[in-house]
Amino acid sequence: MSDLRFDGKVAIVTGAGGGLGKQHALELARRGAKVVINDLGGAMDGSGGNSAAAEAVVAEIKAFGGEAIANGASVTDDVGVANMVKQTMDTWGRIDILIANAGILRDKSFSKMEIADFDAVMAVHLMGTVKPTKAVWEIMKAQNYGRIVVTTSSTGLYGNFGQANYGAAKLSLVGFMNTMKIEGGKNNIRINAISPVAATRMTENLMPPQMLDALKPEYVTPGVIYLVSEDAPTGAILTAGAGVFALARLYETEGVFLGHGGFTAEDVAANWTKISDPTGQQHYEQGGGQTQKFMRKLSGG
C-alpha cells in the first residue's frame, strides 16, 4: 500500500496546542498537509487562554519544513469560528479536513455537579464540534470533498463515574456524526469518530503512572490519519489506545412482536429474554433500518 499523503490538502485541528490534537496536526503536516493549529490555550476546565501553545506547535511544524498557522479562537464562539475559517480560506483557499478535538473536563459525581458544569462541557464538546463543522460544511460541499473527525469517548459509549456531563456530550457526537454521514455522502464528505484512550493532561490524573507510557497520544494518531484520508470510511467509531484499534458499533436485537394492541407491561416483562436475545442482532446504517424491521415483524416476517 502506498503512503497516505495530504499534499495540497488543508486541515483545521482544534485543541491542537497539546496532547492528541498536537500529534494529529504534526502528523498531517509531516504528510504534506497545510495545518491550522487552533487552541484557546485555556485550563482543563476551559478557563483562561493564550496563544503560546498553538504558536509553539506552528514553530515545530515550520522547523521540519511544514506549513502551519496558529488560531486562538474558542470553538464555542461563533465569531471566532467564522474568523478561523476566513483566516484559513484567505491563507490557502480551501479546507479539506476538520479534526474536532478540543475539549474540557469538569468531573464530579452527578450529585455534586452544577448545571453550569454540564453547560460548559456540552458547549465545548458538542457545540464546539457543531460550530466548526457548520462553518466548513458549505466549503466542503462546493469542493465535493471533505473529511471530518469528531472525538467521542468510552465514557460516552459505556459510561464512567463522575463524568455524566462528559459522557452525555461525547455520545451526542455519535448521533451528530450518524446524520452528517448521510447528508454529506453525495458530496464526498466523510465523517467518522475517534474514541481515544491516551495519556494527556485531561487523563494524567485518572490513570496510574505505569499506564501513561503505554498510552502515548501518538499511538492514537495513525487511526485519525486514516479516518481523514482519501479512502476513509464514513460513519465509523474507531476506538484507539496503546496501539490497539477496534470498531465500536450500536446493535439492535431482532426483538418480539407482541400484537396489535392489548399487550401490557407484564407482557414485556414476560418476553424480556426474547427481547434481549442477541441472536440475529443488526447494526443499522440509518434510522430507517429500524422502521423497516418493525414493518417486517408487523407483517409476520
C-alpha atoms as a PDB file:
ATOM      1  CA  MET A   1       0.000   0.000   0.000  1.00  0.00           C
ATOM      2  CA  SER A   2       1.270   3.456  -0.879  1.00  0.00           C
ATOM      3  CA  ASP A   3       1.862   6.054   1.824  1.00  0.00           C
ATOM      4  CA  LEU A   4      -1.096   8.210   2.832  1.00  0.00           C
ATOM      5  CA  ARG A   5      -0.216  11.718   1.708  1.00  0.00           C
ATOM      6  CA  PHE A   6      -2.048  15.036   2.106  1.00  0.00           C
ATOM      7  CA  ASP A   7      -0.123  17.248  -0.307  1.00  0.00           C
ATOM      8  CA  GLY A   8      -2.284  20.181  -1.349  1.00  0.00           C
ATOM      9  CA  LYS A   9      -4.811  19.481   1.420  1.00  0.00           C
ATOM     10  CA  VAL A  10      -5.696  21.976   4.154  1.00  0.00           C
ATOM     11  CA  ALA A  11      -6.636  20.833   7.640  1.00  0.00           C
ATOM     12  CA  ILE A  12      -8.031  22.512  10.735  1.00  0.00           C
ATOM     13  CA  VAL A  13      -7.302  20.754  14.021  1.00  0.00           C
ATOM     14  CA  THR A  14      -8.999  22.150  17.124  1.00  0.00           C
ATOM     15  CA  GLY A  15      -7.404  21.759  20.516  1.00  0.00           C
ATOM     16  CA  ALA A  16      -4.074  21.234  18.740  1.00  0.00           C
ATOM     17  CA  GLY A  17      -1.834  23.022  21.231  1.00  0.00           C
ATOM     18  CA  GLY A  18      -1.020  19.785  23.055  1.00  0.00           C
ATOM     19  CA  GLY A  19      -1.902  16.147  23.583  1.00  0.00           C
ATOM     20  CA  LEU A  20      -3.879  14.342  20.912  1.00  0.00           C
ATOM     21  CA  GLY A  21      -4.583  17.382  18.767  1.00  0.00           C
ATOM     22  CA  LYS A  22      -0.927  18.304  18.577  1.00  0.00           C
ATOM     23  CA  GLN A  23       0.042  14.809  17.464  1.00  0.00           C
ATOM     24  CA  HIS A  24      -2.712  14.774  14.819  1.00  0.00           C
ATOM     25  CA  ALA A  25      -1.550  18.159  13.493  1.00  0.00           C
ATOM     26  CA  LEU A  26       2.141  17.245  13.438  1.00  0.00           C
ATOM     27  CA  GLU A  27       1.500  14.034  11.531  1.00  0.00           C
ATOM     28  CA  LEU A  28      -0.741  15.725   8.979  1.00  0.00           C
ATOM     29  CA  ALA A  29       1.968  18.337   8.393  1.00  0.00           C
ATOM     30  CA  ARG A  30       4.652  15.650   8.047  1.00  0.00           C
ATOM     31  CA  ARG A  31       2.483  14.060   5.361  1.00  0.00           C
ATOM     32  CA  GLY A  32       2.171  17.290   3.381  1.00  0.00           C
ATOM     33  CA  ALA A  33      -0.962  18.994   4.701  1.00  0.00           C
ATOM     34  CA  LYS A  34      -1.167  22.677   5.491  1.00  0.00           C
ATOM     35  CA  VAL A  35      -2.496  22.859   9.037  1.00  0.00           C
ATOM     36  CA  VAL A  36      -4.372  25.384  11.152  1.00  0.00           C
ATOM     37  CA  ILE A  37      -3.380  24.907  14.785  1.00  0.00           C
ATOM     38  CA  ASN A  38      -6.423  26.007  16.747  1.00  0.00           C
ATOM     39  CA  ASP A  39      -6.076  26.203  20.501  1.00  0.00           C
ATOM     40  CA  LEU A  40      -7.586  28.548  23.063  1.00  0.00           C
ATOM     41  CA  GLY A  41      -4.738  27.763  25.447  1.00  0.00           C
ATOM     42  CA  GLY A  42      -7.044  27.550  28.463  1.00  0.00           C
ATOM     43  CA  ALA A  43      -7.025  25.399  31.569  1.00  0.00           C
ATOM     44  CA  MET A  44      -8.602  21.931  31.596  1.00  0.00           C
ATOM     45  CA  ASP A  45     -11.874  23.379  32.890  1.00  0.00           C
ATOM     46  CA  GLY A  46     -11.996  25.832  29.986  1.00  0.00           C
ATOM     47  CA  SER A  47     -10.939  28.937  31.891  1.00  0.00           C
ATOM     48  CA  GLY A  48      -8.271  31.373  30.725  1.00  0.00           C
ATOM     49  CA  GLY A  49      -6.447  31.235  27.424  1.00  0.00           C
ATOM     50  CA  ASN A  50      -3.421  32.355  25.423  1.00  0.00           C
ATOM     51  CA  SER A  51      -1.871  31.576  22.045  1.00  0.00           C
ATOM     52  CA  ALA A  52       1.501  30.295  23.254  1.00  0.00           C
ATOM     53  CA  ALA A  53       0.681  26.602  22.859  1.00  0.00           C
ATOM     54  CA  ALA A  54      -0.617  26.985  19.303  1.00  0.00           C
ATOM     55  CA  GLU A  55       2.338  29.133  18.292  1.00  0.00           C
ATOM     56  CA  ALA A  56       4.757  26.535  19.674  1.00  0.00           C
ATOM     57  CA  VAL A  57       3.214  23.788  17.533  1.00  0.00           C
ATOM     58  CA  VAL A  58       3.380  26.037  14.459  1.00  0.00           C
ATOM     59  CA  ALA A  59       7.073  26.642  15.155  1.00  0.00           C
ATOM     60  CA  GLU A  60       7.658  22.884  15.460  1.00  0.00           C
ATOM     61  CA  ILE A  61       5.962  22.255  12.108  1.00  0.00           C
ATOM     62  CA  LYS A  62       7.893  25.015  10.366  1.00  0.00           C
ATOM     63  CA  ALA A  63      11.133  23.636  11.795  1.00  0.00           C
ATOM     64  CA  PHE A  64      10.735  20.432   9.759  1.00  0.00           C
ATOM     65  CA  GLY A  65       9.634  22.318   6.648  1.00  0.00           C
ATOM     66  CA  GLY A  66       5.870  22.093   7.036  1.00  0.00           C
ATOM     67  CA  GLU A  67       3.230  24.804   6.679  1.00  0.00           C
ATOM     68  CA  ALA A  68       1.014  25.889   9.549  1.00  0.00           C
ATOM     69  CA  ILE A  69      -0.701  28.892  11.081  1.00  0.00           C
ATOM     70  CA  ALA A  70      -1.979  29.452  14.603  1.00  0.00           C
ATOM     71  CA  ASN A  71      -5.503  30.367  15.625  1.00  0.00           C
ATOM     72  CA  GLY A  72      -6.634  31.099  19.170  1.00  0.00           C
ATOM     73  CA  ALA A  73     -10.418  31.135  18.737  1.00  0.00           C
ATOM     74  CA  SER A  74     -12.692  29.380  21.175  1.00  0.00           C
ATOM     75  CA  VAL A  75     -14.655  26.677  19.360  1.00  0.00           C
ATOM     76  CA  THR A  76     -17.738  27.838  21.271  1.00  0.00           C
ATOM     77  CA  ASP A  77     -17.572  31.382  19.861  1.00  0.00           C
ATOM     78  CA  ASP A  78     -19.485  31.951  16.630  1.00  0.00           C
ATOM     79  CA  VAL A  79     -17.447  34.977  15.576  1.00  0.00           C
ATOM     80  CA  GLY A  80     -14.171  33.283  16.481  1.00  0.00           C
ATOM     81  CA  VAL A  81     -15.020  30.165  14.494  1.00  0.00           C
ATOM     82  CA  ALA A  82     -16.077  32.266  11.486  1.00  0.00           C
ATOM     83  CA  ASN A  83     -12.811  34.189  11.677  1.00  0.00           C
ATOM     84  CA  MET A  84     -10.826  30.950  11.883  1.00  0.00           C
ATOM     85  CA  VAL A  85     -12.452  29.686   8.704  1.00  0.00           C
ATOM     86  CA  LYS A  86     -11.932  33.049   6.993  1.00  0.00           C
ATOM     87  CA  GLN A  87      -8.275  33.067   8.052  1.00  0.00           C
ATOM     88  CA  THR A  88      -7.856  29.601   6.573  1.00  0.00           C
ATOM     89  CA  MET A  89      -9.563  30.458   3.296  1.00  0.00           C
ATOM     90  CA  ASP A  90      -7.665  33.750   2.976  1.00  0.00           C
ATOM     91  CA  THR A  91      -4.382  31.914   3.508  1.00  0.00           C
ATOM     92  CA  TRP A  92      -4.861  28.726   1.469  1.00  0.00           C
ATOM     93  CA  GLY A  93      -8.206  28.979  -0.349  1.00  0.00           C
ATOM     94  CA  ARG A  94      -9.705  25.642   0.681  1.00  0.00           C
ATOM     95  CA  ILE A  95     -10.496  23.412   3.682  1.00  0.00           C
ATOM     96  CA  ASP A  96     -10.333  19.657   3.201  1.00  0.00           C
ATOM     97  CA  ILE A  97     -10.091  18.294   6.728  1.00  0.00           C
ATOM     98  CA  LEU A  98     -11.558  19.172  10.105  1.00  0.00           C
ATOM     99  CA  ILE A  99     -10.471  17.298  13.215  1.00  0.00           C
ATOM    100  CA  ALA A 100     -12.670  18.430  16.113  1.00  0.00           C
ATOM    101  CA  ASN A 101     -10.525  17.578  19.116  1.00  0.00           C
ATOM    102  CA  ALA A 102     -10.945  20.474  21.569  1.00  0.00           C
ATOM    103  CA  GLY A 103     -12.299  19.509  24.959  1.00  0.00           C
ATOM    104  CA  ILE A 104     -12.515  20.287  28.660  1.00  0.00           C
ATOM    105  CA  LEU A 105     -13.275  18.332  31.825  1.00  0.00           C
ATOM    106  CA  ARG A 106     -15.395  19.240  34.827  1.00  0.00           C
ATOM    107  CA  ASP A 107     -15.583  15.891  36.593  1.00  0.00           C
ATOM    108  CA  LYS A 108     -17.828  15.472  39.629  1.00  0.00           C
ATOM    109  CA  SER A 109     -20.396  12.962  40.774  1.00  0.00           C
ATOM    110  CA  PHE A 110     -23.824  13.895  39.460  1.00  0.00           C
ATOM    111  CA  SER A 111     -24.967  14.787  42.991  1.00  0.00           C
ATOM    112  CA  LYS A 112     -22.254  17.435  43.239  1.00  0.00           C
ATOM    113  CA  MET A 113     -22.286  18.582  39.619  1.00  0.00           C
ATOM    114  CA  GLU A 114     -23.746  22.015  38.917  1.00  0.00           C
ATOM    115  CA  ILE A 115     -25.773  22.703  35.783  1.00  0.00           C
ATOM    116  CA  ALA A 116     -23.030  25.163  34.836  1.00  0.00           C
ATOM    117  CA  ASP A 117     -20.610  22.225  34.695  1.00  0.00           C
ATOM    118  CA  PHE A 118     -22.967  20.497  32.263  1.00  0.00           C
ATOM    119  CA  ASP A 119     -23.443  23.611  30.140  1.00  0.00           C
ATOM    120  CA  ALA A 120     -19.712  24.259  29.844  1.00  0.00           C
ATOM    121  CA  VAL A 121     -18.805  20.711  28.828  1.00  0.00           C
ATOM    122  CA  MET A 122     -21.674  20.430  26.342  1.00  0.00           C
ATOM    123  CA  ALA A 123     -20.729  23.802  24.856  1.00  0.00           C
ATOM    124  CA  VAL A 124     -17.136  22.787  24.146  1.00  0.00           C
ATOM    125  CA  HIS A 125     -17.551  19.159  23.131  1.00  0.00           C
ATOM    126  CA  LEU A 126     -20.880  19.228  21.291  1.00  0.00           C
ATOM    127  CA  MET A 127     -21.319  22.789  20.052  1.00  0.00           C
ATOM    128  CA  GLY A 128     -17.543  23.177  19.759  1.00  0.00           C
ATOM    129  CA  THR A 129     -17.762  20.432  17.132  1.00  0.00           C
ATOM    130  CA  VAL A 130     -21.031  21.523  15.534  1.00  0.00           C
ATOM    131  CA  LYS A 131     -19.956  25.142  15.011  1.00  0.00           C
ATOM    132  CA  PRO A 132     -16.707  24.438  13.140  1.00  0.00           C
ATOM    133  CA  THR A 133     -18.454  21.715  11.127  1.00  0.00           C
ATOM    134  CA  LYS A 134     -21.214  24.138  10.161  1.00  0.00           C
ATOM    135  CA  ALA A 135     -18.619  26.760   9.237  1.00  0.00           C
ATOM    136  CA  VAL A 136     -16.758  24.442   6.828  1.00  0.00           C
ATOM    137  CA  TRP A 137     -19.735  22.450   5.539  1.00  0.00           C
ATOM    138  CA  GLU A 138     -20.664  24.570   2.520  1.00  0.00           C
ATOM    139  CA  ILE A 139     -16.997  24.907   1.573  1.00  0.00           C
ATOM    140  CA  MET A 140     -16.619  21.140   1.563  1.00  0.00           C
ATOM    141  CA  LYS A 141     -19.860  20.693  -0.386  1.00  0.00           C
ATOM    142  CA  ALA A 142     -18.681  23.142  -3.052  1.00  0.00           C
ATOM    143  CA  GLN A 143     -15.380  21.263  -3.305  1.00  0.00           C
ATOM    144  CA  ASN A 144     -17.165  17.894  -3.386  1.00  0.00           C
ATOM    145  CA  TYR A 145     -14.596  16.800  -0.841  1.00  0.00           C
ATOM    146  CA  GLY A 146     -14.336  16.819   2.917  1.00  0.00           C
ATOM    147  CA  ARG A 147     -13.069  14.668   5.752  1.00  0.00           C
ATOM    148  CA  ILE A 148     -14.240  15.282   9.327  1.00  0.00           C
ATOM    149  CA  VAL A 149     -13.333  13.501  12.549  1.00  0.00           C
ATOM    150  CA  VAL A 150     -15.257  14.081  15.772  1.00  0.00           C
ATOM    151  CA  THR A 151     -13.848  12.951  19.097  1.00  0.00           C
ATOM    152  CA  THR A 152     -16.037  10.707  21.194  1.00  0.00           C
ATOM    153  CA  SER A 153     -15.055   8.681  24.268  1.00  0.00           C
ATOM    154  CA  SER A 154     -15.539   5.357  26.017  1.00  0.00           C
ATOM    155  CA  THR A 155     -17.296   7.423  28.690  1.00  0.00           C
ATOM    156  CA  GLY A 156     -19.943   8.345  26.118  1.00  0.00           C
ATOM    157  CA  LEU A 157     -20.156   4.841  24.716  1.00  0.00           C
ATOM    158  CA  TYR A 158     -20.130   2.942  28.002  1.00  0.00           C
ATOM    159  CA  GLY A 159     -20.177   5.353  30.973  1.00  0.00           C
ATOM    160  CA  ASN A 160     -17.747   6.349  33.702  1.00  0.00           C
ATOM    161  CA  PHE A 161     -18.324   7.501  37.285  1.00  0.00           C
ATOM    162  CA  GLY A 162     -18.159  11.251  37.763  1.00  0.00           C
ATOM    163  CA  GLN A 163     -18.492  12.124  34.086  1.00  0.00           C
ATOM    164  CA  ALA A 164     -22.215  12.456  33.377  1.00  0.00           C
ATOM    165  CA  ASN A 165     -21.647  15.758  31.554  1.00  0.00           C
ATOM    166  CA  TYR A 166     -18.680  14.476  29.559  1.00  0.00           C
ATOM    167  CA  GLY A 167     -20.419  11.206  28.684  1.00  0.00           C
ATOM    168  CA  ALA A 168     -23.564  12.986  27.500  1.00  0.00           C
ATOM    169  CA  ALA A 169     -21.518  15.337  25.333  1.00  0.00           C
ATOM    170  CA  LYS A 170     -19.379  12.590  23.859  1.00  0.00           C
ATOM    171  CA  LEU A 171     -22.235  10.274  22.905  1.00  0.00           C
ATOM    172  CA  SER A 172     -24.139  13.206  21.382  1.00  0.00           C
ATOM    173  CA  LEU A 173     -21.309  13.488  18.861  1.00  0.00           C
ATOM    174  CA  VAL A 174     -22.040   9.969  17.622  1.00  0.00           C
ATOM    175  CA  GLY A 175     -25.624  10.995  16.942  1.00  0.00           C
ATOM    176  CA  PHE A 176     -24.374  14.086  15.138  1.00  0.00           C
ATOM    177  CA  MET A 177     -21.992  12.009  13.032  1.00  0.00           C
ATOM    178  CA  ASN A 178     -24.681   9.476  12.132  1.00  0.00           C
ATOM    179  CA  THR A 179     -26.792  12.123  10.426  1.00  0.00           C
ATOM    180  CA  MET A 180     -23.930  14.083   8.876  1.00  0.00           C
ATOM    181  CA  LYS A 181     -22.558  10.953   7.174  1.00  0.00           C
ATOM    182  CA  ILE A 182     -25.910  10.676   5.370  1.00  0.00           C
ATOM    183  CA  GLU A 183     -26.195  14.347   4.451  1.00  0.00           C
ATOM    184  CA  GLY A 184     -22.573  14.595   3.304  1.00  0.00           C
ATOM    185  CA  GLY A 185     -22.463  11.410   1.277  1.00  0.00           C
ATOM    186  CA  LYS A 186     -23.466  12.840  -2.107  1.00  0.00           C
ATOM    187  CA  ASN A 187     -20.725  15.488  -1.854  1.00  0.00           C
ATOM    188  CA  ASN A 188     -17.944  13.076  -0.874  1.00  0.00           C
ATOM    189  CA  ILE A 189     -17.850  14.367   2.697  1.00  0.00           C
ATOM    190  CA  ARG A 190     -16.958  11.539   5.045  1.00  0.00           C
ATOM    191  CA  ILE A 191     -17.272  11.892   8.794  1.00  0.00           C
ATOM    192  CA  ASN A 192     -16.009   9.494  11.439  1.00  0.00           C
ATOM    193  CA  ALA A 193     -15.471   9.382  15.188  1.00  0.00           C
ATOM    194  CA  ILE A 194     -12.330   8.561  17.132  1.00  0.00           C
ATOM    195  CA  SER A 195     -12.677   7.213  20.666  1.00  0.00           C
ATOM    196  CA  PRO A 196      -9.179   7.588  22.120  1.00  0.00           C
ATOM    197  CA  VAL A 197      -7.547   6.411  25.307  1.00  0.00           C
ATOM    198  CA  ALA A 198      -4.390   8.451  25.756  1.00  0.00           C
ATOM    199  CA  ALA A 199      -2.164   9.991  28.379  1.00  0.00           C
ATOM    200  CA  THR A 200      -2.860  13.718  28.089  1.00  0.00           C
ATOM    201  CA  ARG A 201      -3.311  16.465  30.629  1.00  0.00           C
ATOM    202  CA  MET A 202      -7.016  15.550  30.669  1.00  0.00           C
ATOM    203  CA  THR A 203      -6.287  11.970  31.723  1.00  0.00           C
ATOM    204  CA  GLU A 204      -2.965  12.077  33.553  1.00  0.00           C
ATOM    205  CA  ASN A 205      -4.652  12.282  36.960  1.00  0.00           C
ATOM    206  CA  LEU A 206      -7.098   9.485  36.109  1.00  0.00           C
ATOM    207  CA  MET A 207      -4.538   6.760  35.415  1.00  0.00           C
ATOM    208  CA  PRO A 208      -1.695   5.130  37.350  1.00  0.00           C
ATOM    209  CA  PRO A 209       1.780   6.251  36.220  1.00  0.00           C
ATOM    210  CA  GLN A 210       2.711   2.831  34.818  1.00  0.00           C
ATOM    211  CA  MET A 211      -0.121   3.100  32.269  1.00  0.00           C
ATOM    212  CA  LEU A 212       0.794   6.521  30.958  1.00  0.00           C
ATOM    213  CA  ASP A 213       3.820   5.481  28.911  1.00  0.00           C
ATOM    214  CA  ALA A 214       1.802   2.810  27.111  1.00  0.00           C
ATOM    215  CA  LEU A 215      -0.897   5.345  26.251  1.00  0.00           C
ATOM    216  CA  LYS A 216       1.042   7.988  24.361  1.00  0.00           C
ATOM    217  CA  PRO A 217      -1.181  10.265  22.224  1.00  0.00           C
ATOM    218  CA  GLU A 218       0.876   9.449  19.148  1.00  0.00           C
ATOM    219  CA  TYR A 219      -0.378   5.855  19.400  1.00  0.00           C
ATOM    220  CA  VAL A 220      -3.890   7.125  18.553  1.00  0.00           C
ATOM    221  CA  THR A 221      -2.919   9.418  15.678  1.00  0.00           C
ATOM    222  CA  PRO A 222      -2.424   6.754  12.957  1.00  0.00           C
ATOM    223  CA  GLY A 223      -6.107   5.889  13.246  1.00  0.00           C
ATOM    224  CA  VAL A 224      -7.116   9.532  12.871  1.00  0.00           C
ATOM    225  CA  ILE A 225      -4.864   9.966   9.851  1.00  0.00           C
ATOM    226  CA  TYR A 226      -6.608   7.044   8.162  1.00  0.00           C
ATOM    227  CA  LEU A 227     -10.049   8.473   9.013  1.00  0.00           C
ATOM    228  CA  VAL A 228      -9.242  11.729   7.168  1.00  0.00           C
ATOM    229  CA  SER A 229      -7.557  10.075   4.189  1.00  0.00           C
ATOM    230  CA  GLU A 230      -8.840   9.823   0.619  1.00  0.00           C
ATOM    231  CA  ASP A 231     -10.102   6.268   1.132  1.00  0.00           C
ATOM    232  CA  ALA A 232     -11.553   6.796   4.618  1.00  0.00           C
ATOM    233  CA  PRO A 233     -14.757   5.038   5.650  1.00  0.00           C
ATOM    234  CA  THR A 234     -17.698   7.081   6.845  1.00  0.00           C
ATOM    235  CA  GLY A 235     -19.774   6.710   9.984  1.00  0.00           C
ATOM    236  CA  ALA A 236     -17.155   4.629  11.797  1.00  0.00           C
ATOM    237  CA  ILE A 237     -16.429   4.807  15.529  1.00  0.00           C
ATOM    238  CA  LEU A 238     -12.767   3.865  15.796  1.00  0.00           C
ATOM    239  CA  THR A 239     -11.523   3.121  19.303  1.00  0.00           C
ATOM    240  CA  ALA A 240      -7.791   3.538  19.793  1.00  0.00           C
ATOM    241  CA  GLY A 241      -5.183   3.386  22.528  1.00  0.00           C
ATOM    242  CA  ALA A 242      -1.798   1.796  23.307  1.00  0.00           C
ATOM    243  CA  GLY A 243      -1.507   0.648  19.688  1.00  0.00           C
ATOM    244  CA  VAL A 244      -4.840  -1.189  19.787  1.00  0.00           C
ATOM    245  CA  PHE A 245      -7.573  -0.314  17.267  1.00  0.00           C
ATOM    246  CA  ALA A 246     -11.145  -1.603  17.214  1.00  0.00           C
ATOM    247  CA  LEU A 247     -14.535  -0.626  15.830  1.00  0.00           C
ATOM    248  CA  ALA A 248     -17.409   0.237  18.177  1.00  0.00           C
ATOM    249  CA  ARG A 249     -20.948  -0.216  16.889  1.00  0.00           C
ATOM    250  CA  LEU A 250     -24.533   0.074  18.067  1.00  0.00           C
ATOM    251  CA  TYR A 251     -26.551  -3.103  17.604  1.00  0.00           C
ATOM    252  CA  GLU A 252     -30.273  -3.776  17.932  1.00  0.00           C
ATOM    253  CA  THR A 253     -31.748  -7.175  18.708  1.00  0.00           C
ATOM    254  CA  GLU A 254     -34.371  -8.778  16.478  1.00  0.00           C
ATOM    255  CA  GLY A 255     -36.971  -8.307  19.192  1.00  0.00           C
ATOM    256  CA  VAL A 256     -40.512  -9.639  19.556  1.00  0.00           C
ATOM    257  CA  PHE A 257     -43.862  -8.645  18.041  1.00  0.00           C
ATOM    258  CA  LEU A 258     -46.456  -8.553  20.832  1.00  0.00           C
ATOM    259  CA  GLY A 259     -49.535  -7.910  18.718  1.00  0.00           C
ATOM    260  CA  HIS A 260     -51.670  -5.017  17.502  1.00  0.00           C
ATOM    261  CA  GLY A 261     -52.897  -3.934  20.900  1.00  0.00           C
ATOM    262  CA  GLY A 262     -53.906  -5.188  24.298  1.00  0.00           C
ATOM    263  CA  PHE A 263     -50.381  -6.065  25.344  1.00  0.00           C
ATOM    264  CA  THR A 264     -49.220  -4.861  28.730  1.00  0.00           C
ATOM    265  CA  ALA A 265     -46.073  -4.123  30.708  1.00  0.00           C
ATOM    266  CA  GLU A 266     -46.401  -7.646  32.078  1.00  0.00           C
ATOM    267  CA  ASP A 267     -46.142  -8.993  28.517  1.00  0.00           C
ATOM    268  CA  VAL A 268     -42.947  -7.013  28.015  1.00  0.00           C
ATOM    269  CA  ALA A 269     -41.589  -8.444  31.262  1.00  0.00           C
ATOM    270  CA  ALA A 270     -42.585 -11.992  30.291  1.00  0.00           C
ATOM    271  CA  ASN A 271     -40.839 -11.646  26.923  1.00  0.00           C
ATOM    272  CA  TRP A 272     -37.717  -9.884  28.167  1.00  0.00           C
ATOM    273  CA  THR A 273     -35.463 -12.873  27.446  1.00  0.00           C
ATOM    274  CA  LYS A 274     -36.589 -12.899  23.808  1.00  0.00           C
ATOM    275  CA  ILE A 275     -36.418  -9.101  23.515  1.00  0.00           C
ATOM    276  CA  SER A 276     -32.829  -9.096  24.750  1.00  0.00           C
ATOM    277  CA  ASP A 277     -31.693 -12.183  22.806  1.00  0.00           C
ATOM    278  CA  PRO A 278     -28.640 -11.135  20.727  1.00  0.00           C
ATOM    279  CA  THR A 279     -29.266 -13.792  18.057  1.00  0.00           C
ATOM    280  CA  GLY A 280     -29.694 -12.031  14.724  1.00  0.00           C
ATOM    281  CA  GLN A 281     -28.947  -8.553  16.103  1.00  0.00           C
ATOM    282  CA  GLN A 282     -28.098  -5.927  13.490  1.00  0.00           C
ATOM    283  CA  HIS A 283     -26.216  -2.682  13.037  1.00  0.00           C
ATOM    284  CA  TYR A 284     -28.286  -0.165  11.070  1.00  0.00           C
ATOM    285  CA  GLU A 285     -26.643   2.385   8.800  1.00  0.00           C
ATOM    286  CA  GLN A 286     -29.536   4.795   9.384  1.00  0.00           C
ATOM    287  CA  GLY A 287     -32.721   5.053  11.415  1.00  0.00           C
ATOM    288  CA  GLY A 288     -34.923   3.760   8.619  1.00  0.00           C
ATOM    289  CA  GLY A 289     -33.436   0.297   9.090  1.00  0.00           C
ATOM    290  CA  GLN A 290     -35.166   0.014  12.444  1.00  0.00           C
ATOM    291  CA  THR A 291     -38.507   1.111  10.956  1.00  0.00           C
ATOM    292  CA  GLN A 292     -38.168  -1.476   8.193  1.00  0.00           C
ATOM    293  CA  LYS A 293     -37.677  -4.179  10.819  1.00  0.00           C
ATOM    294  CA  PHE A 294     -40.795  -3.037  12.699  1.00  0.00           C
ATOM    295  CA  MET A 295     -42.823  -3.210   9.467  1.00  0.00           C
ATOM    296  CA  ARG A 296     -41.413  -6.657   8.647  1.00  0.00           C
ATOM    297  CA  LYS A 297     -42.336  -8.026  12.060  1.00  0.00           C
ATOM    298  CA  LEU A 298     -45.746  -6.398  11.845  1.00  0.00           C
ATOM    299  CA  SER A 299     -46.409  -8.302   8.618  1.00  0.00           C
ATOM    300  CA  GLY A 300     -45.249 -11.572  10.149  1.00  0.00           C
ATOM    301  CA  GLY A 301     -41.696 -11.570   8.797  1.00  0.00           C
END
